[in-house]
């Protein structure tokens, strides 16, 4: 049997969640509009709007936002985006990986 790598599972389960968390942080700490945050995170603006209105639930978002270690990483990447840095999802995965328990990933 071939099992999925951590990266495959992370991308499937957390890629959108992490992007939403970063977008929400950008809007909160930098007063960006939904459109600006969506553009920086490569998300559709309506998705951000639906999350804010409660019309769309994102699996794992509360776990990320309520985990101080992971939220610290989210803030670091938000700061990087505001400085004009290009961020790769692999960088995010490597930074968040130690803080995600393997049972959460299943």
C-alpha atoms as a PDB file:
ATOM      1  CA  UNK A   1       0.000   0.000   0.000  1.00  0.00           C
ATOM      2  CA  UNK A   2       1.237   3.484  -0.854  1.00  0.00           C
ATOM      3  CA  UNK A   3       0.355   6.066   1.756  1.00  0.00           C
ATOM      4  CA  UNK A   4      -0.035   9.762   1.104  1.00  0.00           C
ATOM      5  CA  UNK A   5       2.791  12.057   2.116  1.00  0.00           C
ATOM      6  CA  UNK A   6       2.329  14.737   4.732  1.00  0.00           C
ATOM      7  CA  UNK A   7       2.490  17.370   2.006  1.00  0.00           C
ATOM      8  CA  UNK A   8      -0.340  15.792   0.013  1.00  0.00           C
ATOM      9  CA  UNK A   9      -2.550  15.632   3.083  1.00  0.00           C
ATOM     10  CA  UNK A  10      -1.604  19.159   4.145  1.00  0.00           C
ATOM     11  CA  UNK A  11      -2.427  20.665   0.761  1.00  0.00           C
ATOM     12  CA  UNK A  12      -5.732  18.822   0.532  1.00  0.00           C
ATOM     13  CA  UNK A  13      -6.870  19.649   4.060  1.00  0.00           C
ATOM     14  CA  UNK A  14      -5.197  22.941   4.897  1.00  0.00           C
ATOM     15  CA  UNK A  15      -4.233  24.906   1.775  1.00  0.00           C
ATOM     16  CA  UNK A  16      -7.453  26.906   1.575  1.00  0.00           C
ATOM     17  CA  UNK A  17      -7.744  27.073   5.359  1.00  0.00           C
ATOM     18  CA  UNK A  18      -4.298  28.637   5.725  1.00  0.00           C
ATOM     19  CA  UNK A  19      -4.957  31.078   2.890  1.00  0.00           C
ATOM     20  CA  UNK A  20      -8.240  32.143   4.524  1.00  0.00           C
ATOM     21  CA  UNK A  21      -6.482  32.562   7.892  1.00  0.00           C
ATOM     22  CA  UNK A  22      -3.832  34.760   6.279  1.00  0.00           C
ATOM     23  CA  UNK A  23      -6.478  36.793   4.441  1.00  0.00           C
ATOM     24  CA  UNK A  24      -8.431  37.342   7.667  1.00  0.00           C
ATOM     25  CA  UNK A  25      -5.247  38.385   9.450  1.00  0.00           C
ATOM     26  CA  UNK A  26      -4.360  40.826   6.655  1.00  0.00           C
ATOM     27  CA  UNK A  27      -7.799  42.385   6.905  1.00  0.00           C
ATOM     28  CA  UNK A  28      -7.664  42.579  10.701  1.00  0.00           C
ATOM     29  CA  UNK A  29      -4.122  43.822  11.265  1.00  0.00           C
ATOM     30  CA  UNK A  30      -3.536  45.812   8.070  1.00  0.00           C
ATOM     31  CA  UNK A  31      -7.096  46.983   7.356  1.00  0.00           C
ATOM     32  CA  UNK A  32      -7.022  45.538   3.860  1.00  0.00           C
ATOM     33  CA  UNK A  33     -10.243  45.157   1.926  1.00  0.00           C
ATOM     34  CA  UNK A  34     -11.577  41.724   1.062  1.00  0.00           C
ATOM     35  CA  UNK A  35     -10.471  42.292  -2.522  1.00  0.00           C
ATOM     36  CA  UNK A  36      -6.909  43.232  -1.528  1.00  0.00           C
ATOM     37  CA  UNK A  37      -6.592  40.263   0.846  1.00  0.00           C
ATOM     38  CA  UNK A  38      -8.008  37.921  -1.797  1.00  0.00           C
ATOM     39  CA  UNK A  39      -5.536  39.168  -4.383  1.00  0.00           C
ATOM     40  CA  UNK A  40      -2.540  38.642  -2.065  1.00  0.00           C
ATOM     41  CA  UNK A  41      -3.647  35.151  -1.012  1.00  0.00           C
ATOM     42  CA  UNK A  42      -4.872  34.031  -4.463  1.00  0.00           C
ATOM     43  CA  UNK A  43      -8.384  33.346  -3.171  1.00  0.00           C
ATOM     44  CA  UNK A  44     -11.703  34.334  -4.700  1.00  0.00           C
ATOM     45  CA  UNK A  45     -13.022  37.440  -2.936  1.00  0.00           C
ATOM     46  CA  UNK A  46     -16.553  35.986  -2.610  1.00  0.00           C
ATOM     47  CA  UNK A  47     -15.123  33.078  -0.581  1.00  0.00           C
ATOM     48  CA  UNK A  48     -13.689  35.509   1.961  1.00  0.00           C
ATOM     49  CA  UNK A  49     -17.010  37.331   2.063  1.00  0.00           C
ATOM     50  CA  UNK A  50     -18.932  34.079   2.635  1.00  0.00           C
ATOM     51  CA  UNK A  51     -16.580  33.106   5.473  1.00  0.00           C
ATOM     52  CA  UNK A  52     -17.004  36.510   7.134  1.00  0.00           C
ATOM     53  CA  UNK A  53     -20.785  36.321   6.818  1.00  0.00           C
ATOM     54  CA  UNK A  54     -20.879  32.772   8.164  1.00  0.00           C
ATOM     55  CA  UNK A  55     -22.347  31.438   4.921  1.00  0.00           C
ATOM     56  CA  UNK A  56     -19.352  29.160   4.407  1.00  0.00           C
ATOM     57  CA  UNK A  57     -17.519  27.156   7.056  1.00  0.00           C
ATOM     58  CA  UNK A  58     -13.889  26.291   6.436  1.00  0.00           C
ATOM     59  CA  UNK A  59     -12.817  23.020   8.014  1.00  0.00           C
ATOM     60  CA  UNK A  60      -9.970  23.512  10.481  1.00  0.00           C
ATOM     61  CA  UNK A  61     -10.077  27.322  10.467  1.00  0.00           C
ATOM     62  CA  UNK A  62     -10.972  27.597  14.147  1.00  0.00           C
ATOM     63  CA  UNK A  63      -8.173  25.170  15.064  1.00  0.00           C
ATOM     64  CA  UNK A  64      -5.655  27.329  13.217  1.00  0.00           C
ATOM     65  CA  UNK A  65      -6.931  30.641  14.560  1.00  0.00           C
ATOM     66  CA  UNK A  66      -7.129  29.344  18.144  1.00  0.00           C
ATOM     67  CA  UNK A  67      -3.679  27.738  18.171  1.00  0.00           C
ATOM     68  CA  UNK A  68      -1.182  30.402  19.321  1.00  0.00           C
ATOM     69  CA  UNK A  69       1.840  28.739  17.683  1.00  0.00           C
ATOM     70  CA  UNK A  70       0.142  28.353  14.312  1.00  0.00           C
ATOM     71  CA  UNK A  71      -1.411  31.817  14.464  1.00  0.00           C
ATOM     72  CA  UNK A  72       2.045  33.265  15.127  1.00  0.00           C
ATOM     73  CA  UNK A  73       3.226  31.620  11.891  1.00  0.00           C
ATOM     74  CA  UNK A  74       0.157  32.986  10.059  1.00  0.00           C
ATOM     75  CA  UNK A  75       1.067  36.493  11.255  1.00  0.00           C
ATOM     76  CA  UNK A  76       4.660  36.052  10.066  1.00  0.00           C
ATOM     77  CA  UNK A  77       3.464  35.184   6.580  1.00  0.00           C
ATOM     78  CA  UNK A  78       0.975  38.075   6.607  1.00  0.00           C
ATOM     79  CA  UNK A  79       3.837  40.409   7.468  1.00  0.00           C
ATOM     80  CA  UNK A  80       5.897  38.929   4.641  1.00  0.00           C
ATOM     81  CA  UNK A  81       3.108  39.477   2.130  1.00  0.00           C
ATOM     82  CA  UNK A  82       2.789  43.091   3.229  1.00  0.00           C
ATOM     83  CA  UNK A  83       6.521  43.520   2.656  1.00  0.00           C
ATOM     84  CA  UNK A  84       6.061  42.284  -0.908  1.00  0.00           C
ATOM     85  CA  UNK A  85       7.538  38.835  -0.426  1.00  0.00           C
ATOM     86  CA  UNK A  86       6.398  35.880  -2.506  1.00  0.00           C
ATOM     87  CA  UNK A  87       5.515  32.971  -0.266  1.00  0.00           C
ATOM     88  CA  UNK A  88       5.441  29.355  -1.330  1.00  0.00           C
ATOM     89  CA  UNK A  89       2.932  26.924   0.206  1.00  0.00           C
ATOM     90  CA  UNK A  90       5.892  24.633   1.002  1.00  0.00           C
ATOM     91  CA  UNK A  91       7.307  27.324   3.290  1.00  0.00           C
ATOM     92  CA  UNK A  92       3.994  27.532   5.105  1.00  0.00           C
ATOM     93  CA  UNK A  93       3.746  23.751   5.390  1.00  0.00           C
ATOM     94  CA  UNK A  94       7.272  23.445   6.799  1.00  0.00           C
ATOM     95  CA  UNK A  95       6.632  26.156   9.410  1.00  0.00           C
ATOM     96  CA  UNK A  96       3.211  24.853  10.486  1.00  0.00           C
ATOM     97  CA  UNK A  97       4.051  21.148  10.314  1.00  0.00           C
ATOM     98  CA  UNK A  98       5.612  20.874  13.812  1.00  0.00           C
ATOM     99  CA  UNK A  99       2.474  22.387  15.331  1.00  0.00           C
ATOM    100  CA  UNK A 100      -0.055  20.106  13.651  1.00  0.00           C
ATOM    101  CA  UNK A 101      -0.702  16.827  15.341  1.00  0.00           C
ATOM    102  CA  UNK A 102      -0.833  13.885  12.956  1.00  0.00           C
ATOM    103  CA  UNK A 103      -4.282  12.868  14.199  1.00  0.00           C
ATOM    104  CA  UNK A 104      -5.641  16.245  13.085  1.00  0.00           C
ATOM    105  CA  UNK A 105      -4.388  15.495   9.595  1.00  0.00           C
ATOM    106  CA  UNK A 106      -6.502  12.335   9.208  1.00  0.00           C
END
